[in-house]
All heavy atoms as atom14 arrays in JSON, in Angstrom:
{
  "sequence": "VAEGDHDLRLSVDELCAATGLDAKAVVGLADFGLVRPGKDGYYDADG",
  "atom14_mask": [
    [1, 1, 1, 1, 1, 1, 1, 0, 0, 0, 0, 0, 0, 0],
    [1, 1, 1, 1, 1, 0, 0, 0, 0, 0, 0, 0, 0, 0],
    [1, 1, 1, 1, 1, 1, 1, 1, 1, 0, 0, 0, 0, 0],
    [1, 1, 1, 1, 0, 0, 0, 0, 0, 0, 0, 0, 0, 0],
    [1, 1, 1, 1, 1, 1, 1, 1, 0, 0, 0, 0, 0, 0],
    [1, 1, 1, 1, 1, 1, 1, 1, 1, 1, 0, 0, 0, 0],
    [1, 1, 1, 1, 1, 1, 1, 1, 0, 0, 0, 0, 0, 0],
    [1, 1, 1, 1, 1, 1, 1, 1, 0, 0, 0, 0, 0, 0],
    [1, 1, 1, 1, 1, 1, 1, 1, 1, 1, 1, 0, 0, 0],
    [1, 1, 1, 1, 1, 1, 1, 1, 0, 0, 0, 0, 0, 0],
    [1, 1, 1, 1, 1, 1, 0, 0, 0, 0, 0, 0, 0, 0],
    [1, 1, 1, 1, 1, 1, 1, 0, 0, 0, 0, 0, 0, 0],
    [1, 1, 1, 1, 1, 1, 1, 1, 0, 0, 0, 0, 0, 0],
    [1, 1, 1, 1, 1, 1, 1, 1, 1, 0, 0, 0, 0, 0],
    [1, 1, 1, 1, 1, 1, 1, 1, 0, 0, 0, 0, 0, 0],
    [1, 1, 1, 1, 1, 1, 0, 0, 0, 0, 0, 0, 0, 0],
    [1, 1, 1, 1, 1, 0, 0, 0, 0, 0, 0, 0, 0, 0],
    [1, 1, 1, 1, 1, 0, 0, 0, 0, 0, 0, 0, 0, 0],
    [1, 1, 1, 1, 1, 1, 1, 0, 0, 0, 0, 0, 0, 0],
    [1, 1, 1, 1, 0, 0, 0, 0, 0, 0, 0, 0, 0, 0],
    [1, 1, 1, 1, 1, 1, 1, 1, 0, 0, 0, 0, 0, 0],
    [1, 1, 1, 1, 1, 1, 1, 1, 0, 0, 0, 0, 0, 0],
    [1, 1, 1, 1, 1, 0, 0, 0, 0, 0, 0, 0, 0, 0],
    [1, 1, 1, 1, 1, 1, 1, 1, 1, 0, 0, 0, 0, 0],
    [1, 1, 1, 1, 1, 0, 0, 0, 0, 0, 0, 0, 0, 0],
    [1, 1, 1, 1, 1, 1, 1, 0, 0, 0, 0, 0, 0, 0],
    [1, 1, 1, 1, 1, 1, 1, 0, 0, 0, 0, 0, 0, 0],
    [1, 1, 1, 1, 0, 0, 0, 0, 0, 0, 0, 0, 0, 0],
    [1, 1, 1, 1, 1, 1, 1, 1, 0, 0, 0, 0, 0, 0],
    [1, 1, 1, 1, 1, 0, 0, 0, 0, 0, 0, 0, 0, 0],
    [1, 1, 1, 1, 1, 1, 1, 1, 0, 0, 0, 0, 0, 0],
    [1, 1, 1, 1, 1, 1, 1, 1, 1, 1, 1, 0, 0, 0],
    [1, 1, 1, 1, 0, 0, 0, 0, 0, 0, 0, 0, 0, 0],
    [1, 1, 1, 1, 1, 1, 1, 1, 0, 0, 0, 0, 0, 0],
    [1, 1, 1, 1, 1, 1, 1, 0, 0, 0, 0, 0, 0, 0],
    [1, 1, 1, 1, 1, 1, 1, 1, 1, 1, 1, 0, 0, 0],
    [1, 1, 1, 1, 1, 1, 1, 0, 0, 0, 0, 0, 0, 0],
    [1, 1, 1, 1, 0, 0, 0, 0, 0, 0, 0, 0, 0, 0],
    [1, 1, 1, 1, 1, 1, 1, 1, 1, 0, 0, 0, 0, 0],
    [1, 1, 1, 1, 1, 1, 1, 1, 0, 0, 0, 0, 0, 0],
    [1, 1, 1, 1, 0, 0, 0, 0, 0, 0, 0, 0, 0, 0],
    [1, 1, 1, 1, 1, 1, 1, 1, 1, 1, 1, 1, 0, 0],
    [1, 1, 1, 1, 1, 1, 1, 1, 1, 1, 1, 1, 0, 0],
    [1, 1, 1, 1, 1, 1, 1, 1, 0, 0, 0, 0, 0, 0],
    [1, 1, 1, 1, 1, 0, 0, 0, 0, 0, 0, 0, 0, 0],
    [1, 1, 1, 1, 1, 1, 1, 1, 0, 0, 0, 0, 0, 0],
    [1, 1, 1, 1, 0, 0, 0, 0, 0, 0, 0, 0, 0, 0]
  ],
  "atom14_positions": [
    [[-14.18, 155.72, 16.65], [-13.01, 156.08, 17.43], [-11.73, 155.77, 16.78], [-10.62, 156.07, 17.24], [-13.04, 155.39, 18.85], [-14.25, 155.8, 19.65], [-12.91, 153.87, 18.72], [0.0, 0.0, 0.0], [0.0, 0.0, 0.0], [0.0, 0.0, 0.0], [0.0, 0.0, 0.0], [0.0, 0.0, 0.0], [0.0, 0.0, 0.0], [0.0, 0.0, 0.0]],
    [[-11.81, 155.03, 15.61], [-10.57, 154.68, 14.85], [-9.76, 155.89, 14.47], [-10.33, 156.91, 14.17], [-10.94, 153.89, 13.61], [0.0, 0.0, 0.0], [0.0, 0.0, 0.0], [0.0, 0.0, 0.0], [0.0, 0.0, 0.0], [0.0, 0.0, 0.0], [0.0, 0.0, 0.0], [0.0, 0.0, 0.0], [0.0, 0.0, 0.0], [0.0, 0.0, 0.0]],
    [[-8.56, 155.78, 14.66], [-7.58, 156.87, 14.31], [-7.43, 156.96, 12.8], [-7.22, 155.99, 12.12], [-6.24, 156.67, 14.94], [-6.24, 156.57, 16.47], [-6.46, 157.92, 17.06], [-6.25, 159.03, 16.42], [-6.98, 158.02, 18.17], [0.0, 0.0, 0.0], [0.0, 0.0, 0.0], [0.0, 0.0, 0.0], [0.0, 0.0, 0.0], [0.0, 0.0, 0.0]],
    [[-7.64, 158.25, 12.34], [-7.48, 158.44, 10.91], [-6.0, 158.69, 10.44], [-5.09, 158.6, 11.37], [0.0, 0.0, 0.0], [0.0, 0.0, 0.0], [0.0, 0.0, 0.0], [0.0, 0.0, 0.0], [0.0, 0.0, 0.0], [0.0, 0.0, 0.0], [0.0, 0.0, 0.0], [0.0, 0.0, 0.0], [0.0, 0.0, 0.0], [0.0, 0.0, 0.0]],
    [[-5.81, 158.99, 9.26], [-4.44, 159.25, 8.85], [-4.15, 160.74, 9.1], [-4.45, 161.6, 8.27], [-4.33, 158.96, 7.32], [-2.97, 159.05, 6.81], [-2.11, 159.55, 7.59], [-2.67, 158.78, 5.63], [0.0, 0.0, 0.0], [0.0, 0.0, 0.0], [0.0, 0.0, 0.0], [0.0, 0.0, 0.0], [0.0, 0.0, 0.0], [0.0, 0.0, 0.0]],
    [[-3.52, 161.0, 10.23], [-3.33, 162.37, 10.62], [-2.2, 163.03, 9.82], [-2.01, 164.27, 9.84], [-2.92, 162.45, 12.12], [-4.05, 162.04, 12.99], [-5.24, 162.69, 13.15], [-4.13, 161.03, 13.87], [-6.04, 162.13, 13.99], [-5.36, 161.03, 14.44], [0.0, 0.0, 0.0], [0.0, 0.0, 0.0], [0.0, 0.0, 0.0], [0.0, 0.0, 0.0]],
    [[-1.43, 162.25, 9.11], [-0.31, 162.71, 8.34], [-0.77, 163.17, 6.88], [0.0, 163.93, 6.31], [0.8, 161.72, 8.15], [1.48, 161.4, 9.55], [1.45, 162.31, 10.39], [1.86, 160.32, 9.74], [0.0, 0.0, 0.0], [0.0, 0.0, 0.0], [0.0, 0.0, 0.0], [0.0, 0.0, 0.0], [0.0, 0.0, 0.0], [0.0, 0.0, 0.0]],
    [[-1.91, 162.89, 6.54], [-2.38, 163.12, 5.16], [-2.64, 164.62, 5.0], [-3.35, 165.21, 5.79], [-3.61, 162.34, 4.82], [-4.12, 162.47, 3.37], [-3.09, 161.85, 2.39], [-5.45, 161.85, 3.23], [0.0, 0.0, 0.0], [0.0, 0.0, 0.0], [0.0, 0.0, 0.0], [0.0, 0.0, 0.0], [0.0, 0.0, 0.0], [0.0, 0.0, 0.0]],
    [[-2.05, 165.27, 3.95], [-2.28, 166.68, 3.62], [-2.37, 166.69, 2.17], [-1.46, 166.38, 1.46], [-1.11, 167.59, 4.17], [-1.03, 167.65, 5.67], [-2.21, 168.45, 6.2], [-2.08, 168.64, 7.68], [-2.55, 167.84, 8.62], [-3.18, 166.69, 8.15], [-2.45, 168.07, 9.84], [0.0, 0.0, 0.0], [0.0, 0.0, 0.0], [0.0, 0.0, 0.0]],
    [[-3.51, 167.18, 1.75], [-3.74, 167.25, 0.25], [-3.97, 168.66, -0.21], [-4.73, 169.49, 0.51], [-5.03, 166.5, -0.12], [-5.05, 165.03, 0.23], [-6.38, 164.38, -0.08], [-3.95, 164.3, -0.55], [0.0, 0.0, 0.0], [0.0, 0.0, 0.0], [0.0, 0.0, 0.0], [0.0, 0.0, 0.0], [0.0, 0.0, 0.0], [0.0, 0.0, 0.0]],
    [[-3.37, 169.03, -1.37], [-3.63, 170.33, -2.01], [-4.93, 170.27, -2.7], [-5.6, 169.18, -2.8], [-2.56, 170.63, -3.02], [-2.6, 169.72, -4.07], [0.0, 0.0, 0.0], [0.0, 0.0, 0.0], [0.0, 0.0, 0.0], [0.0, 0.0, 0.0], [0.0, 0.0, 0.0], [0.0, 0.0, 0.0], [0.0, 0.0, 0.0], [0.0, 0.0, 0.0]],
    [[-5.44, 171.38, -3.12], [-6.73, 171.44, -3.82], [-6.65, 170.59, -5.06], [-7.63, 169.79, -5.38], [-7.1, 172.92, -4.25], [-8.33, 172.98, -5.13], [-7.31, 173.78, -2.97], [0.0, 0.0, 0.0], [0.0, 0.0, 0.0], [0.0, 0.0, 0.0], [0.0, 0.0, 0.0], [0.0, 0.0, 0.0], [0.0, 0.0, 0.0], [0.0, 0.0, 0.0]],
    [[-5.57, 170.64, -5.85], [-5.46, 169.82, -7.0], [-5.44, 168.3, -6.71], [-6.13, 167.52, -7.33], [-4.2, 170.2, -7.69], [-4.18, 171.59, -8.35], [-5.36, 172.09, -8.54], [-3.16, 172.09, -8.72], [0.0, 0.0, 0.0], [0.0, 0.0, 0.0], [0.0, 0.0, 0.0], [0.0, 0.0, 0.0], [0.0, 0.0, 0.0], [0.0, 0.0, 0.0]],
    [[-4.81, 167.93, -5.6], [-4.76, 166.55, -5.19], [-6.22, 166.09, -4.68], [-6.58, 164.93, -4.98], [-3.74, 166.35, -4.05], [-2.29, 166.5, -4.63], [-1.31, 166.67, -3.5], [-1.71, 167.05, -2.38], [-0.09, 166.39, -3.83], [0.0, 0.0, 0.0], [0.0, 0.0, 0.0], [0.0, 0.0, 0.0], [0.0, 0.0, 0.0], [0.0, 0.0, 0.0]],
    [[-6.87, 167.02, -3.99], [-8.25, 166.69, -3.55], [-9.11, 166.47, -4.8], [-9.95, 165.55, -4.8], [-8.73, 167.81, -2.68], [-10.1, 167.49, -1.97], [-10.03, 166.35, -0.99], [-10.64, 168.76, -1.34], [0.0, 0.0, 0.0], [0.0, 0.0, 0.0], [0.0, 0.0, 0.0], [0.0, 0.0, 0.0], [0.0, 0.0, 0.0], [0.0, 0.0, 0.0]],
    [[-9.01, 167.33, -5.74], [-9.85, 167.24, -6.98], [-9.53, 165.93, -7.65], [-10.49, 165.2, -8.15], [-9.58, 168.38, -7.86], [-10.21, 169.98, -7.25], [0.0, 0.0, 0.0], [0.0, 0.0, 0.0], [0.0, 0.0, 0.0], [0.0, 0.0, 0.0], [0.0, 0.0, 0.0], [0.0, 0.0, 0.0], [0.0, 0.0, 0.0], [0.0, 0.0, 0.0]],
    [[-8.26, 165.57, -7.83], [-7.84, 164.3, -8.5], [-8.37, 163.15, -7.77], [-8.82, 162.09, -8.4], [-6.4, 164.27, -8.59], [0.0, 0.0, 0.0], [0.0, 0.0, 0.0], [0.0, 0.0, 0.0], [0.0, 0.0, 0.0], [0.0, 0.0, 0.0], [0.0, 0.0, 0.0], [0.0, 0.0, 0.0], [0.0, 0.0, 0.0], [0.0, 0.0, 0.0]],
    [[-8.45, 163.2, -6.42], [-8.9, 161.99, -5.7], [-10.41, 161.83, -5.6], [-10.93, 160.73, -5.44], [-8.39, 162.16, -4.26], [0.0, 0.0, 0.0], [0.0, 0.0, 0.0], [0.0, 0.0, 0.0], [0.0, 0.0, 0.0], [0.0, 0.0, 0.0], [0.0, 0.0, 0.0], [0.0, 0.0, 0.0], [0.0, 0.0, 0.0], [0.0, 0.0, 0.0]],
    [[-11.12, 162.95, -5.93], [-12.63, 162.93, -5.74], [-13.37, 163.09, -7.06], [-14.56, 162.88, -7.06], [-13.11, 163.98, -4.75], [-12.71, 165.3, -5.3], [-12.49, 163.8, -3.46], [0.0, 0.0, 0.0], [0.0, 0.0, 0.0], [0.0, 0.0, 0.0], [0.0, 0.0, 0.0], [0.0, 0.0, 0.0], [0.0, 0.0, 0.0], [0.0, 0.0, 0.0]],
    [[-12.73, 163.54, -8.05], [-13.35, 163.93, -9.34], [-14.01, 165.28, -9.35], [-14.63, 165.72, -10.33], [0.0, 0.0, 0.0], [0.0, 0.0, 0.0], [0.0, 0.0, 0.0], [0.0, 0.0, 0.0], [0.0, 0.0, 0.0], [0.0, 0.0, 0.0], [0.0, 0.0, 0.0], [0.0, 0.0, 0.0], [0.0, 0.0, 0.0], [0.0, 0.0, 0.0]],
    [[-13.88, 166.11, -8.27], [-14.36, 167.42, -8.16], [-13.45, 168.32, -9.03], [-12.27, 168.1, -9.13], [-14.52, 167.85, -6.74], [-15.46, 167.13, -5.88], [-15.3, 167.53, -4.45], [-16.99, 167.37, -6.35], [0.0, 0.0, 0.0], [0.0, 0.0, 0.0], [0.0, 0.0, 0.0], [0.0, 0.0, 0.0], [0.0, 0.0, 0.0], [0.0, 0.0, 0.0]],
    [[-13.99, 169.43, -9.42], [-13.14, 170.5, -9.99], [-12.93, 171.61, -8.91], [-13.62, 171.57, -7.79], [-13.64, 171.15, -11.21], [-15.07, 171.69, -11.08], [-15.42, 172.14, -9.97], [-15.83, 171.7, -12.03], [0.0, 0.0, 0.0], [0.0, 0.0, 0.0], [0.0, 0.0, 0.0], [0.0, 0.0, 0.0], [0.0, 0.0, 0.0], [0.0, 0.0, 0.0]],
    [[-12.0, 172.45, -9.1], [-11.61, 173.51, -8.08], [-12.83, 174.35, -7.71], [-13.04, 174.72, -6.58], [-10.48, 174.35, -8.6], [0.0, 0.0, 0.0], [0.0, 0.0, 0.0], [0.0, 0.0, 0.0], [0.0, 0.0, 0.0], [0.0, 0.0, 0.0], [0.0, 0.0, 0.0], [0.0, 0.0, 0.0], [0.0, 0.0, 0.0], [0.0, 0.0, 0.0]],
    [[-13.67, 174.68, -8.7], [-14.87, 175.45, -8.43], [-15.84, 174.74, -7.41], [-16.37, 175.34, -6.53], [-15.52, 175.79, -9.73], [-16.75, 176.69, -9.56], [-17.44, 176.99, -10.92], [-18.68, 177.89, -10.69], [-19.36, 178.14, -12.03], [0.0, 0.0, 0.0], [0.0, 0.0, 0.0], [0.0, 0.0, 0.0], [0.0, 0.0, 0.0], [0.0, 0.0, 0.0]],
    [[-15.97, 173.46, -7.68], [-16.83, 172.66, -6.82], [-16.28, 172.61, -5.4], [-17.01, 172.7, -4.39], [-17.01, 171.25, -7.29], [0.0, 0.0, 0.0], [0.0, 0.0, 0.0], [0.0, 0.0, 0.0], [0.0, 0.0, 0.0], [0.0, 0.0, 0.0], [0.0, 0.0, 0.0], [0.0, 0.0, 0.0], [0.0, 0.0, 0.0], [0.0, 0.0, 0.0]],
    [[-14.94, 172.47, -5.23], [-14.39, 172.42, -3.9], [-14.52, 173.81, -3.17], [-14.89, 173.88, -2.0], [-12.87, 172.16, -4.02], [-12.17, 172.35, -2.67], [-12.65, 170.76, -4.58], [0.0, 0.0, 0.0], [0.0, 0.0, 0.0], [0.0, 0.0, 0.0], [0.0, 0.0, 0.0], [0.0, 0.0, 0.0], [0.0, 0.0, 0.0], [0.0, 0.0, 0.0]],
    [[-14.43, 174.89, -3.94], [-14.67, 176.23, -3.38], [-16.12, 176.4, -2.93], [-16.45, 176.87, -1.93], [-14.32, 177.39, -4.44], [-14.83, 178.69, -3.94], [-12.84, 177.33, -4.7], [0.0, 0.0, 0.0], [0.0, 0.0, 0.0], [0.0, 0.0, 0.0], [0.0, 0.0, 0.0], [0.0, 0.0, 0.0], [0.0, 0.0, 0.0], [0.0, 0.0, 0.0]],
    [[-17.03, 175.78, -3.8], [-18.42, 175.82, -3.4], [-18.73, 175.1, -2.1], [-19.43, 175.56, -1.26], [0.0, 0.0, 0.0], [0.0, 0.0, 0.0], [0.0, 0.0, 0.0], [0.0, 0.0, 0.0], [0.0, 0.0, 0.0], [0.0, 0.0, 0.0], [0.0, 0.0, 0.0], [0.0, 0.0, 0.0], [0.0, 0.0, 0.0], [0.0, 0.0, 0.0]],
    [[-18.1, 173.89, -1.92], [-18.24, 173.18, -0.72], [-17.66, 173.86, 0.46], [-18.22, 173.78, 1.54], [-17.56, 171.84, -0.9], [-18.18, 170.83, -1.92], [-17.4, 169.56, -2.0], [-19.68, 170.43, -1.52], [0.0, 0.0, 0.0], [0.0, 0.0, 0.0], [0.0, 0.0, 0.0], [0.0, 0.0, 0.0], [0.0, 0.0, 0.0], [0.0, 0.0, 0.0]],
    [[-16.47, 174.55, 0.24], [-15.9, 175.35, 1.3], [-16.84, 176.49, 1.7], [-16.96, 176.85, 2.87], [-14.56, 175.8, 0.88], [0.0, 0.0, 0.0], [0.0, 0.0, 0.0], [0.0, 0.0, 0.0], [0.0, 0.0, 0.0], [0.0, 0.0, 0.0], [0.0, 0.0, 0.0], [0.0, 0.0, 0.0], [0.0, 0.0, 0.0], [0.0, 0.0, 0.0]],
    [[-17.43, 177.17, 0.75], [-18.38, 178.25, 1.06], [-19.47, 177.87, 1.94], [-19.95, 178.63, 2.7], [-18.85, 178.9, -0.27], [-17.81, 179.66, -1.05], [-16.76, 180.02, -0.47], [-18.04, 179.89, -2.19], [0.0, 0.0, 0.0], [0.0, 0.0, 0.0], [0.0, 0.0, 0.0], [0.0, 0.0, 0.0], [0.0, 0.0, 0.0], [0.0, 0.0, 0.0]],
    [[-19.94, 176.66, 1.81], [-21.04, 176.17, 2.65], [-20.62, 175.38, 3.86], [-21.38, 174.68, 4.5], [-22.03, 175.33, 1.77], [-22.78, 176.17, 0.72], [-22.38, 176.02, -0.59], [-23.73, 177.05, 1.18], [-23.12, 176.78, -1.57], [-24.43, 177.77, 0.16], [-24.05, 177.67, -1.15], [0.0, 0.0, 0.0], [0.0, 0.0, 0.0], [0.0, 0.0, 0.0]],
    [[-19.34, 175.49, 4.21], [-18.77, 174.94, 5.4], [-18.59, 173.44, 5.4], [-18.42, 172.92, 6.42], [0.0, 0.0, 0.0], [0.0, 0.0, 0.0], [0.0, 0.0, 0.0], [0.0, 0.0, 0.0], [0.0, 0.0, 0.0], [0.0, 0.0, 0.0], [0.0, 0.0, 0.0], [0.0, 0.0, 0.0], [0.0, 0.0, 0.0], [0.0, 0.0, 0.0]],
    [[-18.55, 172.79, 4.22], [-18.55, 171.41, 4.19], [-17.03, 170.85, 4.27], [-16.7, 169.91, 5.12], [-19.2, 170.8, 2.95], [-20.72, 170.96, 3.0], [-21.28, 170.89, 1.63], [-21.34, 169.91, 3.89], [0.0, 0.0, 0.0], [0.0, 0.0, 0.0], [0.0, 0.0, 0.0], [0.0, 0.0, 0.0], [0.0, 0.0, 0.0], [0.0, 0.0, 0.0]],
    [[-16.14, 171.42, 3.46], [-14.72, 171.11, 3.54], [-13.99, 172.31, 4.04], [-14.3, 173.43, 3.69], [-14.19, 170.63, 2.16], [-14.79, 169.31, 1.81], [-14.45, 171.64, 1.09], [0.0, 0.0, 0.0], [0.0, 0.0, 0.0], [0.0, 0.0, 0.0], [0.0, 0.0, 0.0], [0.0, 0.0, 0.0], [0.0, 0.0, 0.0], [0.0, 0.0, 0.0]],
    [[-13.04, 172.1, 4.92], [-12.35, 173.16, 5.57], [-10.82, 172.84, 5.5], [-10.35, 171.92, 6.17], [-12.78, 173.31, 7.04], [-14.23, 173.71, 7.18], [-14.65, 173.55, 8.62], [-16.08, 174.11, 8.84], [-16.77, 173.86, 9.88], [-16.27, 173.17, 10.91], [-18.02, 174.35, 9.97], [0.0, 0.0, 0.0], [0.0, 0.0, 0.0], [0.0, 0.0, 0.0]],
    [[-10.13, 173.63, 4.77], [-8.69, 173.39, 4.71], [-8.05, 173.79, 6.09], [-8.6, 174.63, 6.79], [-8.17, 174.23, 3.61], [-9.19, 175.3, 3.53], [-10.49, 174.7, 3.91], [0.0, 0.0, 0.0], [0.0, 0.0, 0.0], [0.0, 0.0, 0.0], [0.0, 0.0, 0.0], [0.0, 0.0, 0.0], [0.0, 0.0, 0.0], [0.0, 0.0, 0.0]],
    [[-6.92, 173.21, 6.46], [-6.26, 173.56, 7.65], [-5.55, 174.9, 7.47], [-5.6, 175.58, 6.42], [0.0, 0.0, 0.0], [0.0, 0.0, 0.0], [0.0, 0.0, 0.0], [0.0, 0.0, 0.0], [0.0, 0.0, 0.0], [0.0, 0.0, 0.0], [0.0, 0.0, 0.0], [0.0, 0.0, 0.0], [0.0, 0.0, 0.0], [0.0, 0.0, 0.0]],
    [[-4.93, 175.35, 8.57], [-4.23, 176.68, 8.49], [-3.13, 176.73, 7.51], [-2.78, 177.82, 6.97], [-3.65, 176.96, 9.89], [-4.71, 177.15, 10.99], [-4.04, 177.47, 12.36], [-5.12, 177.75, 13.37], [-4.51, 177.96, 14.72], [0.0, 0.0, 0.0], [0.0, 0.0, 0.0], [0.0, 0.0, 0.0], [0.0, 0.0, 0.0], [0.0, 0.0, 0.0]],
    [[-2.63, 175.51, 7.13], [-1.54, 175.47, 6.12], [-2.11, 175.39, 4.67], [-1.39, 175.29, 3.73], [-0.67, 174.25, 6.36], [-1.49, 172.91, 6.44], [-2.65, 172.95, 6.19], [-0.77, 171.9, 6.71], [0.0, 0.0, 0.0], [0.0, 0.0, 0.0], [0.0, 0.0, 0.0], [0.0, 0.0, 0.0], [0.0, 0.0, 0.0], [0.0, 0.0, 0.0]],
    [[-3.52, 175.43, 4.6], [-4.1, 175.38, 3.25], [-4.36, 174.0, 2.74], [-4.82, 173.88, 1.62], [0.0, 0.0, 0.0], [0.0, 0.0, 0.0], [0.0, 0.0, 0.0], [0.0, 0.0, 0.0], [0.0, 0.0, 0.0], [0.0, 0.0, 0.0], [0.0, 0.0, 0.0], [0.0, 0.0, 0.0], [0.0, 0.0, 0.0], [0.0, 0.0, 0.0]],
    [[-3.96, 172.99, 3.45], [-4.08, 171.61, 2.96], [-5.35, 170.91, 3.59], [-5.81, 171.34, 4.67], [-2.95, 170.81, 3.29], [-1.65, 171.16, 2.49], [-0.62, 171.97, 3.0], [-1.56, 170.7, 1.19], [0.45, 172.37, 2.17], [-0.43, 171.07, 0.39], [0.54, 171.9, 0.97], [1.67, 172.23, 0.2], [0.0, 0.0, 0.0], [0.0, 0.0, 0.0]],
    [[-5.82, 169.9, 2.85], [-6.99, 169.17, 3.37], [-6.57, 167.83, 4.0], [-5.69, 167.18, 3.38], [-8.01, 168.9, 2.17], [-8.57, 170.2, 1.63], [-7.93, 170.85, 0.65], [-9.74, 170.69, 2.15], [-8.42, 172.11, 0.06], [-10.31, 171.87, 1.59], [-9.61, 172.58, 0.59], [-10.17, 173.73, 0.06], [0.0, 0.0, 0.0], [0.0, 0.0, 0.0]],
    [[-7.18, 167.49, 5.07], [-6.75, 166.21, 5.79], [-7.65, 165.1, 5.31], [-8.47, 165.18, 4.42], [-6.81, 166.42, 7.24], [-8.15, 166.77, 7.81], [-9.17, 166.69, 7.08], [-8.28, 167.23, 8.95], [0.0, 0.0, 0.0], [0.0, 0.0, 0.0], [0.0, 0.0, 0.0], [0.0, 0.0, 0.0], [0.0, 0.0, 0.0], [0.0, 0.0, 0.0]],
    [[-7.42, 163.95, 6.02], [-8.2, 162.68, 5.64], [-9.72, 162.85, 5.88], [-10.51, 162.29, 5.07], [-7.7, 161.54, 6.52], [0.0, 0.0, 0.0], [0.0, 0.0, 0.0], [0.0, 0.0, 0.0], [0.0, 0.0, 0.0], [0.0, 0.0, 0.0], [0.0, 0.0, 0.0], [0.0, 0.0, 0.0], [0.0, 0.0, 0.0], [0.0, 0.0, 0.0]],
    [[-10.13, 163.66, 6.91], [-11.56, 163.88, 7.02], [-12.1, 164.73, 5.88], [-13.22, 164.43, 5.43], [-11.82, 164.64, 8.37], [-11.56, 163.74, 9.57], [-11.65, 162.49, 9.45], [-11.18, 164.28, 10.67], [0.0, 0.0, 0.0], [0.0, 0.0, 0.0], [0.0, 0.0, 0.0], [0.0, 0.0, 0.0], [0.0, 0.0, 0.0], [0.0, 0.0, 0.0]],
    [[-11.38, 165.72, 5.49], [-11.77, 166.51, 4.39], [-11.91, 165.69, 3.07], [-12.83, 165.89, 2.31], [0.0, 0.0, 0.0], [0.0, 0.0, 0.0], [0.0, 0.0, 0.0], [0.0, 0.0, 0.0], [0.0, 0.0, 0.0], [0.0, 0.0, 0.0], [0.0, 0.0, 0.0], [0.0, 0.0, 0.0], [0.0, 0.0, 0.0], [0.0, 0.0, 0.0]]
  ]
}
C-alpha cells in the first residue's frame, strides 16, 4: 500500500540508462505487455 513516486516520468532513453536495457529490449517488453508508457509517452515508477 506504500505510495510510489507519482511524479516520476521517464523517457525511453532515461529508462534504458536506469535499467541497462536498450531501446529494442524496451520495445520488446512493451510488445508483451510488461512495460506500458503513459498517455504522455513517459514511464512511471512502476514501469
